[in-house]
């Protein structure tokens, strides 16, 4: 199963002509493309699915969803292993 996981945008930049972000998933950081949500800003929460931000959501919705994912034990499974530098 593949889920969209909420994360907080902590940094925005351009990479290869794409709008990208460093996203915090409750202490786990990943890179994501922001081209589908051009209105996104640093500090906002978004749903990330396979490396792409697909929608924005409120902080309370994001934190509630992250908590539920941790409770069911699928949080690390959905994010995958830490990328190697």
C-alpha atoms as a PDB file:
ATOM      1  CA  UNK A   1       0.000   0.000   0.000  1.00  0.00           C
ATOM      2  CA  UNK A   2       1.208   3.490  -0.767  1.00  0.00           C
ATOM      3  CA  UNK A   3       0.193   6.471   1.370  1.00  0.00           C
ATOM      4  CA  UNK A   4       0.625  10.182   1.148  1.00  0.00           C
ATOM      5  CA  UNK A   5       2.466  11.311   4.285  1.00  0.00           C
ATOM      6  CA  UNK A   6       2.220  14.826   5.767  1.00  0.00           C
ATOM      7  CA  UNK A   7       5.407  16.788   6.288  1.00  0.00           C
ATOM      8  CA  UNK A   8       6.509  20.320   7.092  1.00  0.00           C
ATOM      9  CA  UNK A   9       8.389  22.327   4.476  1.00  0.00           C
ATOM     10  CA  UNK A  10      11.579  23.560   6.138  1.00  0.00           C
ATOM     11  CA  UNK A  11      13.540  24.746   3.107  1.00  0.00           C
ATOM     12  CA  UNK A  12      12.742  25.546  -0.522  1.00  0.00           C
ATOM     13  CA  UNK A  13      15.135  25.617  -3.472  1.00  0.00           C
ATOM     14  CA  UNK A  14      15.398  24.915  -7.177  1.00  0.00           C
ATOM     15  CA  UNK A  15      17.069  21.787  -8.525  1.00  0.00           C
ATOM     16  CA  UNK A  16      17.230  20.839 -12.186  1.00  0.00           C
ATOM     17  CA  UNK A  17      14.539  23.377 -13.039  1.00  0.00           C
ATOM     18  CA  UNK A  18      12.119  21.954 -10.428  1.00  0.00           C
ATOM     19  CA  UNK A  19      10.817  23.634  -7.275  1.00  0.00           C
ATOM     20  CA  UNK A  20      12.046  21.408  -4.465  1.00  0.00           C
ATOM     21  CA  UNK A  21      11.846  21.313  -0.682  1.00  0.00           C
ATOM     22  CA  UNK A  22      13.438  19.732   2.323  1.00  0.00           C
ATOM     23  CA  UNK A  23      10.489  18.266   4.232  1.00  0.00           C
ATOM     24  CA  UNK A  24      10.384  17.268   7.913  1.00  0.00           C
ATOM     25  CA  UNK A  25       8.281  14.197   8.711  1.00  0.00           C
ATOM     26  CA  UNK A  26       8.487  14.487  12.496  1.00  0.00           C
ATOM     27  CA  UNK A  27      12.285  14.321  12.632  1.00  0.00           C
ATOM     28  CA  UNK A  28      12.862  12.380   9.404  1.00  0.00           C
ATOM     29  CA  UNK A  29      13.892  14.643   6.520  1.00  0.00           C
ATOM     30  CA  UNK A  30      13.378  13.960   2.815  1.00  0.00           C
ATOM     31  CA  UNK A  31      13.483  15.892  -0.436  1.00  0.00           C
ATOM     32  CA  UNK A  32      10.233  16.474  -2.353  1.00  0.00           C
ATOM     33  CA  UNK A  33       9.141  18.229  -5.522  1.00  0.00           C
ATOM     34  CA  UNK A  34       6.753  21.182  -5.018  1.00  0.00           C
ATOM     35  CA  UNK A  35       5.737  21.733  -8.644  1.00  0.00           C
ATOM     36  CA  UNK A  36       2.170  20.481  -8.009  1.00  0.00           C
ATOM     37  CA  UNK A  37       1.684  22.989  -5.161  1.00  0.00           C
ATOM     38  CA  UNK A  38       3.369  26.202  -6.384  1.00  0.00           C
ATOM     39  CA  UNK A  39       1.649  28.222  -3.627  1.00  0.00           C
ATOM     40  CA  UNK A  40       3.500  26.280  -0.888  1.00  0.00           C
ATOM     41  CA  UNK A  41       5.640  28.236   1.566  1.00  0.00           C
ATOM     42  CA  UNK A  42       8.286  27.378   4.162  1.00  0.00           C
ATOM     43  CA  UNK A  43       6.563  26.411   7.414  1.00  0.00           C
ATOM     44  CA  UNK A  44       3.471  24.944   5.737  1.00  0.00           C
ATOM     45  CA  UNK A  45       2.462  21.294   5.791  1.00  0.00           C
ATOM     46  CA  UNK A  46       1.870  19.242   2.668  1.00  0.00           C
ATOM     47  CA  UNK A  47       1.029  15.686   1.712  1.00  0.00           C
ATOM     48  CA  UNK A  48       3.968  13.935   0.040  1.00  0.00           C
ATOM     49  CA  UNK A  49       3.328  10.978  -2.247  1.00  0.00           C
ATOM     50  CA  UNK A  50       6.258   9.254  -4.002  1.00  0.00           C
ATOM     51  CA  UNK A  51       8.439  12.351  -3.644  1.00  0.00           C
ATOM     52  CA  UNK A  52       5.865  14.903  -4.795  1.00  0.00           C
ATOM     53  CA  UNK A  53       3.867  17.369  -2.701  1.00  0.00           C
ATOM     54  CA  UNK A  54       0.286  16.866  -3.872  1.00  0.00           C
ATOM     55  CA  UNK A  55      -1.696  19.117  -1.499  1.00  0.00           C
ATOM     56  CA  UNK A  56      -1.408  21.455   1.454  1.00  0.00           C
ATOM     57  CA  UNK A  57      -3.049  20.883   4.830  1.00  0.00           C
ATOM     58  CA  UNK A  58      -3.261  22.502   8.248  1.00  0.00           C
ATOM     59  CA  UNK A  59      -0.716  21.867  10.980  1.00  0.00           C
ATOM     60  CA  UNK A  60      -3.339  20.200  13.192  1.00  0.00           C
ATOM     61  CA  UNK A  61      -4.372  17.791  10.403  1.00  0.00           C
ATOM     62  CA  UNK A  62      -0.735  16.978   9.664  1.00  0.00           C
ATOM     63  CA  UNK A  63       0.212  16.300  13.295  1.00  0.00           C
ATOM     64  CA  UNK A  64      -2.879  14.169  13.860  1.00  0.00           C
ATOM     65  CA  UNK A  65      -2.101  12.077  10.775  1.00  0.00           C
ATOM     66  CA  UNK A  66       1.576  11.646  11.750  1.00  0.00           C
ATOM     67  CA  UNK A  67       0.495  10.490  15.198  1.00  0.00           C
ATOM     68  CA  UNK A  68      -1.932   7.961  13.717  1.00  0.00           C
ATOM     69  CA  UNK A  69       0.749   6.618  11.347  1.00  0.00           C
ATOM     70  CA  UNK A  70       3.133   6.145  14.280  1.00  0.00           C
ATOM     71  CA  UNK A  71       0.422   4.335  16.247  1.00  0.00           C
ATOM     72  CA  UNK A  72      -0.225   1.837  13.469  1.00  0.00           C
ATOM     73  CA  UNK A  73       3.499   1.358  12.935  1.00  0.00           C
ATOM     74  CA  UNK A  74       3.641   2.215   9.247  1.00  0.00           C
ATOM     75  CA  UNK A  75       5.461   5.540   9.497  1.00  0.00           C
ATOM     76  CA  UNK A  76       9.003   4.292   8.792  1.00  0.00           C
ATOM     77  CA  UNK A  77       7.687   1.740   6.293  1.00  0.00           C
ATOM     78  CA  UNK A  78       6.034   4.458   4.199  1.00  0.00           C
ATOM     79  CA  UNK A  79       9.053   6.769   4.290  1.00  0.00           C
ATOM     80  CA  UNK A  80      11.485   4.008   3.379  1.00  0.00           C
ATOM     81  CA  UNK A  81      15.125   3.758   4.419  1.00  0.00           C
ATOM     82  CA  UNK A  82      17.281   6.818   4.977  1.00  0.00           C
ATOM     83  CA  UNK A  83      18.973   7.795   1.713  1.00  0.00           C
ATOM     84  CA  UNK A  84      22.724   7.267   1.614  1.00  0.00           C
ATOM     85  CA  UNK A  85      24.761  10.441   1.093  1.00  0.00           C
END
